[in-house]
Protein backbone atom coordinates (compact mmCIF):
# COMPACT_ATOMS: atom_id res chain seq x y z
CA MET A 1 66.57 -6.38 -27.64
CA ILE A 2 63.27 -6.06 -25.81
CA ASN A 3 60.53 -8.17 -27.33
CA THR A 4 57.49 -5.94 -27.71
CA TRP A 5 55.26 -8.76 -28.97
CA GLN A 6 53.25 -10.48 -26.24
CA TRP A 7 50.17 -12.64 -25.98
CA LEU A 8 46.99 -10.94 -24.84
CA VAL A 9 44.71 -13.28 -22.89
CA CYS A 10 41.09 -12.18 -22.37
CA PHE A 11 38.36 -13.84 -20.28
CA ASP A 12 34.66 -13.23 -19.80
CA THR A 13 32.06 -15.08 -17.74
CA ASP A 14 29.34 -16.74 -19.81
CA ARG A 15 25.72 -15.73 -19.09
CA ILE A 16 26.58 -14.43 -15.62
CA LYS A 17 23.10 -13.04 -14.98
CA GLN A 18 21.40 -16.27 -15.98
CA TYR A 19 23.64 -18.00 -13.44
CA LEU A 20 22.67 -15.53 -10.70
CA PHE A 21 18.93 -15.59 -11.46
CA SER A 22 18.44 -19.29 -12.08
CA THR A 23 16.76 -19.34 -8.65
CA ASN A 24 14.18 -17.24 -6.82
CA ARG A 25 15.95 -17.54 -3.44
CA LEU A 26 17.72 -14.40 -2.22
CA LYS A 27 20.32 -16.38 -0.27
CA GLU A 28 21.29 -18.33 -3.38
CA ILE A 29 21.43 -15.18 -5.50
CA ARG A 30 23.59 -13.63 -2.77
CA GLY A 31 25.74 -16.75 -2.69
CA GLY A 32 26.19 -16.78 -6.45
CA SER A 33 27.06 -13.08 -6.40
CA ALA A 34 29.56 -13.58 -3.57
CA LEU A 35 31.13 -16.52 -5.38
CA ILE A 36 31.58 -14.55 -8.62
CA ALA A 37 33.07 -11.63 -6.66
CA GLN A 38 35.40 -13.98 -4.78
CA LEU A 39 36.60 -15.64 -7.98
CA ASP A 40 37.20 -12.19 -9.51
CA SER A 41 39.27 -11.15 -6.51
CA GLU A 42 41.27 -14.37 -6.38
CA ARG A 43 41.92 -14.26 -10.13
CA MET A 44 43.24 -10.69 -9.97
CA ARG A 45 45.46 -11.50 -7.00
CA GLU A 46 46.88 -14.62 -8.65
CA LEU A 47 47.50 -12.86 -11.97
CA GLU A 48 49.27 -9.97 -10.27
CA GLN A 49 51.44 -12.38 -8.29
CA ARG A 50 52.29 -14.48 -11.33
CA TYR A 51 52.89 -11.56 -13.71
CA GLU A 52 53.84 -7.94 -13.17
CA THR A 53 50.97 -5.76 -11.98
CA ASP A 54 51.09 -3.62 -15.11
CA LYS A 55 50.61 -6.77 -17.22
CA VAL A 56 47.12 -7.22 -15.75
CA VAL A 57 45.17 -4.83 -17.97
CA TYR A 58 41.94 -5.34 -16.04
CA SER A 59 40.23 -7.87 -13.81
CA ALA A 60 36.69 -7.18 -12.60
CA GLY A 61 33.03 -7.84 -13.33
CA GLY A 62 33.55 -11.46 -14.29
CA GLY A 63 36.26 -10.74 -16.85
CA ALA A 64 39.99 -10.14 -17.14
CA ALA A 65 42.77 -9.29 -19.60
CA VAL A 66 46.46 -10.03 -19.04
CA LEU A 67 49.66 -9.96 -21.12
CA VAL A 68 51.83 -13.10 -21.06
CA PRO A 69 55.11 -13.84 -22.87
CA THR A 70 54.31 -16.98 -24.89
CA GLU A 71 51.43 -18.67 -26.64
CA GLN A 72 52.01 -21.86 -24.68
CA GLU A 73 51.64 -19.98 -21.42
CA ALA A 74 48.55 -18.20 -22.73
CA GLN A 75 46.84 -21.48 -23.65
CA ALA A 76 47.78 -23.04 -20.31
CA LEU A 77 46.37 -20.04 -18.43
CA ILE A 78 43.09 -20.22 -20.35
CA ALA A 79 42.70 -23.92 -19.61
CA GLU A 80 43.52 -23.39 -15.92
CA ILE A 81 41.06 -20.52 -15.37
CA GLU A 82 38.23 -22.15 -17.33
CA ARG A 83 38.70 -25.42 -15.41
CA ASN A 84 38.86 -23.75 -11.98
CA PHE A 85 35.85 -21.52 -12.66
CA ARG A 86 33.68 -24.46 -13.66
CA ALA A 87 34.83 -26.46 -10.64
CA GLN A 88 33.96 -23.62 -8.27
CA THR A 89 30.58 -22.59 -9.75
CA ILE A 90 29.43 -26.07 -10.91
CA THR A 91 27.07 -24.77 -13.62
CA ALA A 92 28.63 -21.46 -14.74
CA SER A 93 31.51 -21.14 -17.18
CA ILE A 94 34.09 -18.64 -18.35
CA THR A 95 35.60 -18.32 -21.83
CA GLY A 96 39.14 -17.28 -22.68
CA ILE A 97 40.95 -16.42 -25.92
CA CYS A 98 44.45 -15.26 -26.78
CA LEU A 99 46.10 -13.36 -29.60
CA GLN A 100 49.53 -11.89 -30.25
CA VAL A 101 49.85 -8.11 -29.97
CA ASP A 102 52.56 -5.47 -30.27
CA THR A 103 52.36 -3.50 -27.01
CA THR A 104 54.27 -0.54 -28.50
CA SER A 105 52.07 -0.08 -31.57
CA GLN A 106 50.00 2.70 -29.95
CA LYS A 107 46.95 0.75 -31.07
CA PHE A 108 46.30 -1.35 -27.99
CA GLY A 109 42.62 -0.37 -27.82
CA ALA A 110 42.12 -1.67 -31.36
CA GLU A 111 43.74 -4.96 -30.32
CA MET A 112 41.40 -5.16 -27.33
CA SER A 113 38.46 -4.64 -29.68
CA ARG A 114 39.77 -7.45 -31.88
CA ALA A 115 40.09 -9.64 -28.79
CA GLY A 116 36.51 -8.77 -27.87
CA ARG A 117 35.27 -9.94 -31.25
CA GLU A 118 37.25 -13.18 -30.93
CA LEU A 119 35.86 -13.67 -27.43
CA ARG A 120 32.27 -13.24 -28.60
CA ARG A 121 32.83 -15.78 -31.37
CA ALA A 122 34.34 -18.25 -28.91
CA LYS A 123 31.45 -17.80 -26.48
CA THR A 124 28.91 -18.33 -29.27
CA ALA A 125 30.69 -21.45 -30.50
CA LYS A 126 30.87 -22.86 -26.98
CA ALA A 127 27.18 -22.34 -26.26
CA GLU A 128 25.28 -25.60 -26.42
CA LEU A 129 21.84 -26.90 -25.60
CA VAL A 130 21.99 -29.09 -22.54
CA SER A 131 19.30 -31.76 -22.40
CA LEU A 132 18.75 -33.58 -19.16
CA PRO A 133 17.56 -37.18 -19.11
CA ALA A 134 13.83 -37.33 -18.43
CA GLU A 135 13.65 -40.34 -16.14
CA PRO A 136 10.57 -40.93 -13.96
CA TYR A 137 12.74 -41.50 -10.90
CA MET A 138 14.93 -38.41 -11.38
CA ARG A 139 14.24 -35.53 -8.98
CA LEU A 140 15.07 -31.98 -10.06
CA CYS A 141 16.43 -29.29 -7.79
CA SER A 142 13.63 -27.66 -5.78
CA SER A 143 15.28 -24.26 -6.21
CA CYS A 144 16.36 -23.88 -9.85
CA GLY A 145 14.37 -26.80 -11.28
CA GLN A 146 17.09 -27.37 -13.88
CA TYR A 147 19.54 -29.95 -12.52
CA PRO A 148 19.26 -33.24 -10.62
CA VAL A 149 19.35 -33.06 -6.83
CA ALA A 150 22.60 -33.92 -5.08
CA HIS A 151 22.17 -32.61 -1.51
CA GLN A 152 19.49 -31.92 1.04
CA ALA A 153 19.74 -28.41 2.49
CA GLN A 154 20.87 -28.28 6.10
CA ASP A 155 19.13 -24.97 6.89
CA GLY A 156 15.87 -26.49 8.10
CA SER A 157 14.04 -25.94 4.81
CA GLY A 158 14.17 -29.59 3.79
CA ASP A 159 14.89 -28.55 0.19
CA TRP A 160 16.61 -30.96 -2.13
CA LEU A 161 19.21 -29.04 -4.14
CA CYS A 162 21.50 -29.56 -7.10
CA ARG A 163 25.24 -29.11 -6.55
CA ALA A 164 25.22 -25.52 -7.83
CA CYS A 165 22.30 -24.30 -5.71
CA HIS A 166 23.66 -26.12 -2.68
CA LYS A 167 26.96 -24.32 -3.06
CA LYS A 168 25.30 -20.94 -3.68
CA ARG A 169 23.03 -21.33 -0.65
CA GLY A 170 26.00 -22.25 1.53
CA LYS A 171 27.92 -19.26 0.20
CA GLY A 172 24.93 -17.04 0.88
CA ARG A 173 25.14 -17.87 4.57
CA GLU A 174 28.65 -16.38 4.65
CA GLU A 175 26.99 -13.03 5.02
CA ARG A 176 30.02 -10.75 4.91
CA MET A 177 31.25 -12.13 1.63
CA GLY A 178 30.96 -10.30 -1.66
CA PHE A 179 29.89 -6.76 -2.39
CA PHE A 180 28.31 -6.10 1.02
CA ALA A 181 31.69 -6.62 2.70
CA ASP A 182 33.22 -4.17 0.23
CA PHE A 183 30.42 -1.71 0.99
CA ILE A 184 31.03 -1.88 4.75
CA GLU A 185 34.74 -1.34 4.20
CA TRP A 186 34.08 1.56 1.81
CA THR A 187 31.73 3.37 4.20
CA GLN A 188 34.18 3.09 7.15
CA SER A 189 31.04 3.27 9.23
CA ASP A 190 29.50 1.21 12.01
CA GLY A 191 26.06 1.85 10.58
CA TRP A 192 25.89 -1.58 8.93
CA THR A 193 26.89 -5.03 10.15
CA LYS A 194 26.73 -8.50 8.63
CA GLU A 195 23.89 -9.43 11.00
CA MET A 196 21.70 -6.80 9.33
CA LEU A 197 21.57 -8.54 5.95
CA PRO A 198 17.98 -9.50 5.06
CA GLU A 199 17.10 -13.19 5.08
CA ASP A 200 14.87 -12.90 2.01
CA LEU A 201 12.78 -10.46 0.01
CA ASP A 202 10.04 -10.58 2.64
CA ALA A 203 12.53 -9.17 5.14
CA ILE A 204 13.34 -6.27 2.81
CA GLY A 205 9.64 -5.73 2.15
CA SER A 206 8.86 -5.75 5.87
CA VAL A 207 10.69 -2.42 6.33
CA ALA A 208 9.44 -0.85 3.08
CA THR A 209 6.81 1.78 2.35
CA PRO A 210 4.26 0.58 1.36
CA PRO A 211 4.91 -2.57 3.40
CA GLY A 212 5.84 -5.63 1.36
CA TYR A 213 7.14 -3.81 -1.72
CA VAL A 214 10.67 -3.95 -3.10
CA GLY A 215 12.53 -2.35 -5.98
CA PHE A 216 14.76 -4.07 -8.52
CA ILE A 217 17.33 -1.76 -10.16
CA ALA A 218 19.33 -2.51 -13.32
CA LEU A 219 21.81 0.15 -14.52
CA ASP A 220 24.30 0.08 -17.37
CA GLY A 221 26.63 2.59 -19.00
CA ASN A 222 25.63 4.03 -22.38
CA HIS A 223 27.72 3.55 -25.50
CA ILE A 224 30.85 2.60 -23.51
CA GLY A 225 31.91 -0.01 -26.07
CA ASP A 226 32.80 2.63 -28.64
CA LEU A 227 35.55 3.90 -26.34
CA LEU A 228 37.26 0.55 -25.86
CA ASP A 229 39.37 0.85 -29.00
CA LYS A 230 40.64 4.36 -28.16
CA PRO A 231 43.36 3.75 -25.51
CA ALA A 232 46.77 3.67 -27.22
CA THR A 233 48.68 1.58 -24.66
CA PRO A 234 48.02 -1.10 -22.03
CA LYS A 235 48.69 1.50 -19.34
CA VAL A 236 46.01 3.83 -20.69
CA TYR A 237 43.55 0.97 -21.13
CA LYS A 238 44.19 -0.10 -17.52
CA ALA A 239 43.54 3.47 -16.32
CA PHE A 240 40.28 3.52 -18.27
CA SER A 241 38.99 0.16 -17.03
CA GLU A 242 39.99 0.77 -13.40
CA GLY A 243 38.50 4.25 -13.49
CA LEU A 244 35.22 2.90 -14.88
CA TRP A 245 35.02 0.16 -12.26
CA ASN A 246 35.82 2.56 -9.39
CA LEU A 247 33.35 5.16 -10.65
CA THR A 248 30.52 2.61 -10.80
CA LYS A 249 31.36 1.15 -7.40
CA ASP A 250 31.82 4.52 -5.68
CA GLN A 251 28.55 5.96 -6.97
CA THR A 252 26.63 2.80 -6.05
CA PHE A 253 28.07 2.74 -2.54
CA ALA A 254 27.52 6.50 -2.10
CA ALA A 255 23.84 6.20 -3.06
CA LEU A 256 23.30 3.22 -0.75
CA LYS A 257 25.06 5.01 2.11
CA LYS A 258 22.81 8.05 1.63
CA TYR A 259 19.48 6.28 1.23
CA GLY A 260 19.99 2.77 2.60
CA TRP A 261 20.37 3.25 6.33
CA PRO A 262 19.26 0.19 8.35
CA ARG A 263 15.63 0.02 9.41
CA ASP A 264 14.60 -1.98 12.44
CA GLY A 265 17.97 -3.73 12.36
CA ILE A 266 17.64 -4.73 8.68
CA THR A 267 19.70 -3.45 5.76
CA PRO A 268 17.05 -2.32 3.23
CA PHE A 269 18.99 -3.42 0.16
CA GLU A 270 20.91 -6.26 -1.48
CA ILE A 271 23.86 -5.67 -3.81
CA VAL A 272 23.52 -8.35 -6.47
CA LEU A 273 26.20 -7.28 -8.93
CA ILE A 274 28.65 -4.46 -9.66
CA GLY A 275 30.78 -5.02 -12.73
CA GLY A 276 32.47 -2.40 -14.87
CA ASP A 277 29.58 -0.10 -15.73
CA ASP A 278 26.87 -2.61 -14.76
CA VAL A 279 24.81 -2.54 -11.52
CA LEU A 280 22.05 -4.81 -10.18
CA LEU A 281 20.42 -3.99 -6.84
CA ILE A 282 17.36 -4.94 -4.79
CA THR A 283 16.07 -2.30 -2.35
CA VAL A 284 12.96 -1.37 -0.41
CA ALA A 285 10.55 0.17 -2.89
CA ASP A 286 10.57 3.66 -1.36
CA ILE A 287 14.26 4.31 -2.06
CA ALA A 288 14.60 2.53 -5.40
CA LEU A 289 14.11 5.58 -7.66
CA ASP A 290 16.26 7.77 -5.39
CA VAL A 291 19.09 5.23 -5.43
CA ALA A 292 18.93 4.59 -9.18
CA LEU A 293 18.84 8.30 -9.97
CA ALA A 294 21.68 9.15 -7.58
CA ILE A 295 23.91 6.47 -9.12
CA ALA A 296 23.20 7.57 -12.70
CA GLU A 297 23.64 11.27 -11.85
CA GLY A 298 26.87 10.66 -9.96
CA PHE A 299 28.21 8.43 -12.74
CA GLU A 300 27.59 11.17 -15.30
CA TYR A 301 28.88 14.06 -13.16
CA ASN A 302 32.12 12.35 -12.11
CA SER A 303 32.88 10.49 -15.34
CA VAL A 304 35.31 13.06 -16.72
CA ALA A 305 37.43 13.38 -13.57
CA GLN A 306 37.45 9.67 -12.72
CA VAL A 307 37.51 7.98 -16.13
CA LEU A 308 37.96 10.10 -19.23
CA ALA A 309 40.66 12.53 -18.07
CA PRO A 310 42.95 9.92 -16.40
CA ALA A 311 42.76 7.79 -19.56
CA GLY A 312 43.34 10.78 -21.86
CA LEU A 313 39.93 10.33 -23.49
CA SER A 314 38.37 13.71 -22.74
CA ASP A 315 38.54 14.62 -26.44
CA GLU A 316 36.66 11.46 -27.37
CA ARG A 317 33.58 11.98 -25.19
CA GLU A 318 32.20 14.96 -23.28
CA LYS A 319 30.98 12.67 -20.48
CA LEU A 320 29.73 9.16 -19.79
CA THR A 321 26.07 8.47 -19.13
CA MET A 322 24.02 5.61 -17.76
CA ALA A 323 20.58 4.11 -18.43
CA GLY A 324 18.49 2.21 -15.94
CA GLY A 325 15.32 0.23 -15.35
CA VAL A 326 13.51 0.13 -12.00
CA VAL A 327 10.79 -2.39 -11.13
CA LEU A 328 8.56 -1.80 -8.10
CA ALA A 329 6.77 -5.00 -7.10
CA HIS A 330 5.56 -7.00 -4.12
CA ALA A 331 8.20 -9.14 -2.47
CA ASN A 332 6.41 -12.30 -3.59
CA PHE A 333 6.90 -11.42 -7.27
CA PRO A 334 9.57 -13.78 -8.69
CA ILE A 335 13.08 -12.30 -8.66
CA PRO A 336 13.97 -13.68 -12.14
CA ALA A 337 10.85 -11.96 -13.51
CA MET A 338 11.88 -8.68 -11.82
CA TYR A 339 15.28 -8.96 -13.46
CA ALA A 340 13.76 -9.61 -16.90
CA LEU A 341 11.45 -6.61 -16.54
CA ALA A 342 14.27 -4.38 -15.31
CA GLU A 343 16.37 -5.34 -18.33
CA ALA A 344 13.47 -4.49 -20.67
CA LEU A 345 13.06 -1.11 -18.93
CA GLN A 346 16.79 -0.50 -19.19
CA LYS A 347 16.64 -1.07 -22.96
CA SER A 348 13.77 1.42 -23.17
CA ALA A 349 15.87 3.99 -21.27
CA LYS A 350 18.85 3.34 -23.55
CA LYS A 351 16.72 4.16 -26.59
CA LEU A 352 15.95 7.57 -25.11
CA SER A 353 19.63 8.15 -24.35
CA ALA A 354 20.45 7.25 -27.96
CA VAL A 355 17.88 9.75 -29.25
CA GLN A 356 19.61 12.34 -27.04
CA LYS A 357 22.96 11.31 -28.59
CA TYR A 358 24.08 9.94 -25.22
CA GLN A 359 24.33 13.42 -23.73
CA THR A 360 22.07 12.36 -20.88
CA GLY A 361 21.29 9.24 -18.94
CA ALA A 362 17.72 7.97 -18.66
CA ILE A 363 15.52 5.89 -16.38
CA ASP A 364 12.37 3.90 -17.05
CA PHE A 365 10.25 2.34 -14.31
CA GLN A 366 7.26 0.08 -13.90
CA VAL A 367 4.96 -0.58 -10.95
CA VAL A 368 3.83 -4.21 -11.03
CA SER A 369 0.28 -4.50 -9.72
CA GLY A 370 -0.72 -7.91 -11.08
CA SER A 371 0.73 -11.17 -12.27
CA ASP A 372 1.70 -9.96 -15.75
CA MET A 373 5.39 -10.42 -16.55
CA ASP A 374 5.47 -8.80 -19.99
CA LEU A 375 6.26 -5.07 -20.16
CA ASP A 376 4.25 -4.41 -23.33
CA ALA A 377 1.19 -6.11 -21.84
CA MET A 378 1.50 -4.08 -18.62
CA ARG A 379 1.63 -0.81 -20.56
CA GLN A 380 -1.07 -1.49 -23.09
CA GLY A 381 -3.57 1.35 -22.91
CA VAL A 382 -1.63 3.23 -20.21
CA PRO A 383 -1.01 6.90 -21.20
CA HIS A 384 2.42 7.32 -19.60
CA ARG A 385 5.39 9.59 -20.41
CA ARG A 386 8.20 7.11 -19.64
CA PRO A 387 11.17 6.80 -20.02
CA TYR A 388 12.64 9.95 -18.45
CA ALA A 389 15.93 11.73 -19.00
CA LEU A 390 17.73 12.12 -15.67
CA ALA A 391 16.87 15.82 -15.31
CA ASP A 392 13.18 15.09 -15.93
CA MET A 393 13.25 12.14 -13.53
CA ARG A 394 14.68 14.45 -10.89
CA LYS A 395 11.91 16.98 -11.61
CA LEU A 396 9.26 14.27 -11.32
CA LEU A 397 10.54 13.14 -7.92
CA ASP A 398 10.81 16.74 -6.73
CA HIS A 399 7.20 17.40 -7.74
CA ILE A 400 6.06 14.32 -5.84
CA TYR A 401 7.89 15.61 -2.73
CA GLN A 402 6.29 19.06 -3.12
CA ILE A 403 2.80 17.64 -3.69
CA LYS A 404 3.20 15.47 -0.60
CA ILE A 405 4.31 18.48 1.44
CA ALA A 406 1.34 20.48 0.15
CA ASP A 407 -0.88 17.52 1.13
CA ILE A 408 -3.01 17.47 -2.00
CA PRO A 409 -5.74 14.91 -1.26
CA THR A 410 -4.91 11.54 -2.79
CA SER A 411 -8.58 11.24 -3.72
CA GLN A 412 -8.13 14.20 -6.08
CA LEU A 413 -5.02 12.67 -7.62
CA GLN A 414 -6.75 9.33 -8.01
CA ALA A 415 -9.79 10.91 -9.68
CA MET A 416 -7.56 12.55 -12.30
CA TYR A 417 -5.65 9.28 -12.75
CA GLN A 418 -8.80 7.24 -13.34
CA ALA A 419 -10.03 9.77 -15.90
CA LEU A 420 -6.86 9.24 -17.95
CA PHE A 421 -8.25 5.85 -18.96
CA GLU A 422 -11.67 7.25 -19.88
CA GLY A 423 -10.58 9.25 -22.91
CA GLU A 424 -8.93 12.56 -23.71
CA ILE A 425 -11.91 14.78 -22.89
CA ASN A 426 -12.76 13.12 -19.56
CA ALA A 427 -9.13 13.40 -18.48
CA GLN A 428 -9.13 17.13 -19.32
CA LEU A 429 -12.38 17.72 -17.44
CA ALA A 430 -11.08 15.92 -14.33
CA SER A 431 -7.80 17.87 -14.32
CA ILE A 432 -9.53 21.22 -14.83
CA ALA A 433 -12.02 20.41 -12.07
CA THR A 434 -9.22 19.56 -9.65
CA LEU A 435 -7.26 22.71 -10.49
CA GLY A 436 -10.41 24.76 -10.05
CA TYR A 437 -11.21 23.13 -6.70
CA LEU A 438 -7.70 23.75 -5.38
CA GLY A 439 -7.62 27.29 -6.81
CA ARG A 440 -10.72 28.30 -4.86
CA SER A 441 -9.03 27.50 -1.57
CA GLY A 442 -7.81 30.34 0.64
CA ASP A 443 -4.32 28.83 0.52
CA ARG A 444 -3.36 28.49 -3.15
CA THR A 445 -0.23 26.41 -2.42
CA ARG A 446 -1.84 23.16 -3.55
CA TYR A 447 -3.09 24.74 -6.75
CA GLU A 448 0.36 26.17 -7.50
CA ARG A 449 2.08 22.84 -6.87
CA LEU A 450 -0.20 20.99 -9.30
CA ARG A 451 -0.07 23.81 -11.86
CA ASP A 452 3.74 23.87 -11.73
CA PHE A 453 3.83 20.10 -12.22
CA PHE A 454 1.72 20.30 -15.38
CA LYS A 455 3.77 23.21 -16.75
CA ASP A 456 7.06 21.42 -16.12
CA PHE A 457 5.86 18.45 -18.15
CA GLY A 458 4.68 20.17 -21.28
CA VAL A 459 1.25 21.57 -20.37
CA GLN A 460 1.45 25.35 -20.80
CA LEU A 461 -2.18 25.87 -19.67
CA GLU A 462 -2.60 28.93 -21.92
CA GLY A 463 -4.76 27.38 -24.62
CA GLN A 464 -3.63 23.85 -23.78
CA LEU A 465 -5.67 21.75 -21.41
CA PRO A 466 -4.06 19.41 -18.84
CA PRO A 467 -3.12 16.66 -18.36
CA TRP A 468 -1.88 16.15 -21.95
CA ASP A 469 1.32 17.52 -23.45
CA ALA A 470 1.64 18.35 -27.16
CA ASN A 471 2.28 14.66 -27.96
CA LYS A 472 -0.81 13.49 -26.04
CA ARG A 473 1.28 11.96 -23.27
CA SER A 474 0.80 12.62 -19.58
CA ALA A 475 3.27 12.58 -16.71
CA LEU A 476 0.26 12.51 -14.37
CA THR A 477 0.07 8.72 -14.77
CA ASP A 478 3.69 8.39 -13.68
CA LEU A 479 3.30 10.76 -10.74
CA VAL A 480 0.26 8.98 -9.33
CA GLU A 481 1.71 5.49 -9.81
CA LEU A 482 4.99 6.51 -8.13
CA TYR A 483 3.34 8.55 -5.37
CA PRO A 484 3.03 5.76 -2.75
CA PHE A 485 6.64 4.65 -3.33
CA ILE A 486 8.40 7.96 -2.73
CA SER A 487 9.53 8.53 0.84
CA MET A 488 9.56 12.10 2.16
CA LYS A 489 13.03 11.54 3.66
CA GLY A 490 14.21 9.42 0.78
CA GLY A 491 15.52 6.80 3.22
CA GLU A 492 18.26 9.03 4.58
CA GLY A 493 19.54 8.40 8.05
């Protein structure tokens, strides 16, 4: 008789993003990313060799799930993977749990949900506060500032590094490792080479418009967790997880191929993380919104064909959507702070998607012009319209392109922008004056472009004065702040 009861072993990396962004050095972030990707790949290969391929339910994005025959083997596998992961990353960890499941019950998704709850409890229980000895002679790592030094960097910097940062920096020099190598293979193009990878954020900023500015993109699927208990069998669950991973990767690579062509011999982006439905990227500032929007749009458009239909889940969800945060900042702004801001913006976008019952993705963005690192403080007193549903974000970018083509004087745009902060009446007077000035021109193209922009964002003009919509918000703020960061060619090669 065939034994249908097996042991489900699930793993998930602990605080993966904190591990990646414990440092402000791009090479170490790249090295940490490459190391996580390498461990993912090795784990999947070893599991598939040790067990049948169909027993590996998924393995990507820092996590895995596999079916094994006995509890003893499950516990041994957990101990082995946790031990190896810690040895390889030094400061990062991975948590594993196991439970017995009936693979023929037609309720495998529910068992995976139960495993997820067990995994979260195990991760919470394992979390502990690490206190380092505060000795006057102890020197902390010059990169992360968290752990004692163990090595001096051999790259000419003279930095003293802890074991983890030393390993990440060394890994970062292996430039074809990680997601960039996968990208080159995916494109099947000679447009990018390993020598084109940027040395640091300054290198990315050096080929940006305006010079010195970069974009940090954080994207995540909306409401995906509610689908995880739907697949009836391990085979269906595998189809769902692989489809989700491939969809996210394909749309990310497609957007970078379209907008991220090398500039002056430098690749204008860095792929920090792709995992499941999660994406973290750094790009030149002038392609950041284009890339983020293209990924989210492609994810939504292709989600049925690539994920829902193959997994038999088309009846459960009409489509999958994605929310994102985009930070535009100078290259000298700390990377960990960019990540924290991008996550806050992503949460803001997710709230809009929730209001729309997840029928659309959304994007929020922030231009960082000072040293503030708190989103609420940056937006205090700023009459913006953010976040944007994807269709509205596309309209906003299109209006910026059209206004640039029409060559509306930036002085006129700036005058309207400044008036936004001087009260409702002053803002109306400035907008009316600009429309009147442009309307008196022999060529009314500029007037029509600005009029169409206002109308598309809730200002009907008949009895309603720009720049305010019915809720006293204004997309004019967002247009003017984004204006310098939108390339006419969108970065296409």
